[in-house]
Amino acid sequence: MSPDSPLAPTLADRARKVRLLALDVDGVLTDGRLYFQADGIEIKAFHTQDGHGIKLLRQAGVEVALITGRESPMVTQRAAALGIEHVFQHRDDKLTALRELTQSLGLELEQAAYCGDDLQDLAAIQAAGLGITVPNAPPYMRREADWVTERSGGHGAVRDICDTLLESQGHWAAVMDRYSLDATDRGRP
C-alpha cells in the first residue's frame, strides 16, 4: 500500500481478500437526488470515473454487483454499459441479496465489500468483509462503516473504492502500465 492509501493496514488486509464489490445505487453511484421529467421519466446522473473504475476492477477479476431498493431502467442501462451482470433491483433487504449473491458465486461474506449510504444498507455494511459508506451518508452510517470514502456518492466515491481495491490487491502497477507512456515515448532515455 502506498503511504497515501485511505485504508489502515488492518483494512488493507481485508481489501486484499475482496472478490466482490456490491454497490447501492442512489447515494453511492449517484448523488442521491432523484430527477423526474414532466412525463414522469426518471433521470439519473452517473460519474464517468466511477464507470471506468468498475471496468478496471472487473478486468482484475473482481465481480461487481448493484443492489438497489428502487427499480429503474437507468440502472439496467448503466449496468449493461459497464458489463455488470449482477443487478438486484427493488431489494430493500440488501443483506439478503448480498448473501444470495456471495452464495451463488461460491464466496464468503468476508470476500465481499459493500458500499451503501442509508439505513437499508446498514446490515450489509456490517456483514461484509469490508463495509464502506460515503461522506454524504448520515453520521450513524459513517460510524458503522469500516471506511468512509473521501469523495461523495455520485462524485467519484466508487472510483476511490475501485482504485483502492486495485492497489490493495497489487493490480495498480499493471493499470498504470496500460495507460502510461514508457520512458522512451516520453523522450527519456
Protein backbone atom coordinates (compact mmCIF):
# COMPACT_ATOMS: atom_id res chain seq x y z
CA MET A 1 0.00 0.00 0.00
CA SER A 2 1.18 3.49 -0.70
CA PRO A 3 1.63 5.94 2.18
CA ASP A 4 -1.39 7.96 0.97
CA SER A 5 -3.74 4.95 0.99
CA PRO A 6 -7.03 5.75 2.76
CA LEU A 7 -7.05 2.35 4.47
CA ALA A 8 -5.39 1.43 7.74
CA PRO A 9 -3.17 -1.67 7.48
CA THR A 10 -5.83 -3.97 9.00
CA LEU A 11 -8.42 -2.74 6.49
CA ALA A 12 -5.92 -3.07 3.66
CA ASP A 13 -5.57 -6.75 4.60
CA ARG A 14 -9.34 -7.13 4.35
CA ALA A 15 -9.37 -5.28 1.00
CA ARG A 16 -6.87 -7.80 -0.40
CA LYS A 17 -9.47 -10.56 0.15
CA VAL A 18 -12.28 -8.80 -1.73
CA ARG A 19 -13.56 -10.72 -4.76
CA LEU A 20 -16.93 -8.95 -4.96
CA LEU A 21 -17.79 -5.26 -4.75
CA ALA A 22 -21.53 -4.73 -4.21
CA LEU A 23 -22.87 -1.20 -4.52
CA ASP A 24 -26.06 0.60 -3.67
CA VAL A 25 -27.06 2.94 -6.49
CA ASP A 26 -28.84 6.07 -5.21
CA GLY A 27 -26.44 7.98 -2.99
CA VAL A 28 -23.41 5.88 -3.99
CA LEU A 29 -23.31 5.73 -7.81
CA THR A 30 -25.46 8.86 -7.91
CA ASP A 31 -25.61 11.88 -5.62
CA GLY A 32 -28.85 10.55 -4.15
CA ARG A 33 -31.13 13.09 -5.79
CA LEU A 34 -33.98 11.86 -7.98
CA TYR A 35 -34.76 13.75 -11.17
CA PHE A 36 -38.10 13.37 -12.96
CA GLN A 37 -39.13 14.84 -16.28
CA ALA A 38 -42.66 16.24 -16.71
CA ASP A 39 -43.72 12.94 -18.30
CA GLY A 40 -42.62 11.04 -15.17
CA ILE A 41 -39.45 9.61 -16.72
CA GLU A 42 -36.71 9.26 -14.12
CA ILE A 43 -33.24 10.56 -14.90
CA LYS A 44 -30.04 9.63 -13.04
CA ALA A 45 -26.57 11.14 -13.36
CA PHE A 46 -23.61 8.77 -13.10
CA HIS A 47 -19.93 9.76 -12.79
CA THR A 48 -17.79 8.52 -15.68
CA GLN A 49 -14.77 7.94 -13.43
CA ASP A 50 -16.84 5.52 -11.35
CA GLY A 51 -17.71 3.62 -14.50
CA HIS A 52 -14.10 3.35 -15.62
CA GLY A 53 -13.05 2.22 -12.14
CA ILE A 54 -15.68 -0.53 -12.25
CA LYS A 55 -14.37 -1.68 -15.64
CA LEU A 56 -10.79 -1.77 -14.30
CA LEU A 57 -11.87 -3.73 -11.23
CA ARG A 58 -13.76 -6.26 -13.35
CA GLN A 59 -10.70 -6.66 -15.61
CA ALA A 60 -8.70 -7.51 -12.48
CA GLY A 61 -11.12 -10.35 -11.72
CA VAL A 62 -13.28 -8.72 -9.05
CA GLU A 63 -17.03 -9.19 -9.53
CA VAL A 64 -19.22 -6.10 -9.27
CA ALA A 65 -22.91 -6.03 -8.34
CA LEU A 66 -25.60 -3.41 -7.92
CA ILE A 67 -28.15 -3.84 -5.13
CA THR A 68 -30.78 -1.12 -5.06
CA GLY A 69 -34.10 -0.59 -3.34
CA ARG A 70 -35.57 1.22 -6.32
CA GLU A 71 -36.27 -0.12 -9.79
CA SER A 72 -35.14 1.95 -12.73
CA PRO A 73 -34.44 1.36 -16.41
CA MET A 74 -31.48 3.74 -15.98
CA VAL A 75 -29.86 1.26 -13.58
CA THR A 76 -30.39 -1.54 -16.08
CA GLN A 77 -28.84 0.57 -18.85
CA ARG A 78 -25.86 1.66 -16.75
CA ALA A 79 -25.17 -1.90 -15.59
CA ALA A 80 -25.31 -3.16 -19.18
CA ALA A 81 -22.95 -0.41 -20.36
CA LEU A 82 -20.44 -1.38 -17.68
CA GLY A 83 -20.82 -5.14 -18.15
CA ILE A 84 -22.23 -5.63 -14.64
CA GLU A 85 -24.06 -8.96 -14.67
CA HIS A 86 -25.31 -8.99 -11.08
CA VAL A 87 -28.12 -6.46 -10.69
CA PHE A 88 -30.67 -6.64 -7.88
CA GLN A 89 -33.41 -4.02 -8.14
CA HIS A 90 -36.37 -3.37 -5.84
CA ARG A 91 -34.49 -5.05 -2.98
CA ASP A 92 -34.79 -3.32 0.38
CA ASP A 93 -33.15 -6.22 2.23
CA LYS A 94 -29.65 -5.61 0.93
CA LEU A 95 -28.05 -8.19 3.22
CA THR A 96 -30.28 -10.98 1.90
CA ALA A 97 -29.37 -10.01 -1.66
CA LEU A 98 -25.68 -9.88 -0.75
CA ARG A 99 -25.87 -13.32 0.89
CA GLU A 100 -27.67 -14.77 -2.15
CA LEU A 101 -25.03 -13.35 -4.43
CA THR A 102 -21.99 -14.48 -2.44
CA GLN A 103 -23.52 -17.94 -2.14
CA SER A 104 -24.15 -18.16 -5.90
CA LEU A 105 -20.58 -17.06 -6.60
CA GLY A 106 -19.11 -19.50 -4.07
CA LEU A 107 -17.75 -16.67 -1.91
CA GLU A 108 -17.80 -15.92 1.80
CA LEU A 109 -19.13 -12.59 3.08
CA GLU A 110 -15.58 -11.70 4.17
CA GLN A 111 -14.65 -11.71 0.46
CA ALA A 112 -17.27 -9.04 -0.26
CA ALA A 113 -17.08 -5.28 0.03
CA TYR A 114 -20.37 -3.43 0.25
CA CYS A 115 -20.95 0.30 -0.13
CA GLY A 116 -24.22 1.93 0.81
CA ASP A 117 -25.40 5.21 2.27
CA ASP A 118 -28.63 4.70 4.21
CA LEU A 119 -30.38 2.50 6.76
CA GLN A 120 -31.43 -0.24 4.34
CA ASP A 121 -27.69 -0.72 3.64
CA LEU A 122 -26.63 -0.96 7.28
CA ALA A 123 -26.79 -4.75 7.79
CA ALA A 124 -24.92 -5.38 4.52
CA ILE A 125 -22.23 -2.87 5.51
CA GLN A 126 -21.87 -4.55 8.90
CA ALA A 127 -21.77 -8.10 7.47
CA ALA A 128 -19.40 -7.55 4.54
CA GLY A 129 -15.71 -8.18 4.90
CA LEU A 130 -15.22 -4.50 4.07
CA GLY A 131 -18.16 -2.22 4.87
CA ILE A 132 -17.98 1.13 3.11
CA THR A 133 -20.03 4.30 3.05
CA VAL A 134 -19.74 7.78 1.59
CA PRO A 135 -19.33 11.15 3.32
CA ASN A 136 -22.84 12.21 2.27
CA ALA A 137 -24.28 9.35 4.34
CA PRO A 138 -25.87 10.18 7.72
CA PRO A 139 -23.48 10.24 10.70
CA TYR A 140 -24.78 6.97 12.15
CA MET A 141 -23.94 5.23 8.85
CA ARG A 142 -20.44 6.69 8.80
CA ARG A 143 -19.89 5.42 12.37
CA GLU A 144 -20.87 1.86 11.39
CA ALA A 145 -18.73 1.57 8.26
CA ASP A 146 -15.16 0.29 8.19
CA TRP A 147 -14.25 3.01 5.70
CA VAL A 148 -15.75 6.30 4.55
CA THR A 149 -14.60 7.35 1.08
CA GLU A 150 -13.17 10.82 0.55
CA ARG A 151 -15.43 11.67 -2.38
CA SER A 152 -19.21 11.72 -2.11
CA GLY A 153 -21.66 9.42 -3.83
CA GLY A 154 -22.13 10.40 -7.46
CA HIS A 155 -18.88 12.38 -7.37
CA GLY A 156 -16.24 9.67 -7.72
CA ALA A 157 -16.68 7.68 -4.49
CA VAL A 158 -16.89 4.40 -6.38
CA ARG A 159 -13.71 5.23 -8.29
CA ASP A 160 -11.96 5.76 -4.94
CA ILE A 161 -13.12 2.31 -3.86
CA CYS A 162 -12.07 0.64 -7.12
CA ASP A 163 -8.63 2.29 -7.16
CA THR A 164 -8.03 1.35 -3.52
CA LEU A 165 -9.04 -2.27 -4.10
CA LEU A 166 -6.83 -2.45 -7.19
CA GLU A 167 -3.90 -1.05 -5.24
CA SER A 168 -4.52 -3.29 -2.22
CA GLN A 169 -4.57 -6.35 -4.43
CA GLY A 170 -1.39 -5.48 -6.31
CA HIS A 171 -3.01 -4.55 -9.64
CA TRP A 172 -2.25 -0.84 -9.67
CA ALA A 173 1.14 -1.05 -11.41
CA ALA A 174 -0.43 -3.01 -14.28
CA VAL A 175 -3.19 -0.40 -14.60
CA MET A 176 -0.63 2.41 -14.75
CA ASP A 177 1.50 0.49 -17.24
CA ARG A 178 -1.51 0.03 -19.52
CA TYR A 179 -2.20 3.76 -19.67
CA SER A 180 1.25 5.32 -19.33
CA LEU A 181 3.84 6.07 -21.95
CA ASP A 182 7.06 4.24 -21.36
CA ALA A 183 10.20 6.27 -20.67
CA THR A 184 11.29 6.16 -24.33
CA ASP A 185 7.95 7.50 -25.57
CA ARG A 186 8.20 10.39 -23.11
CA GLY A 187 11.55 11.39 -24.56
CA ARG A 188 13.54 9.99 -21.66
CA PRO A 189 16.47 7.64 -22.05
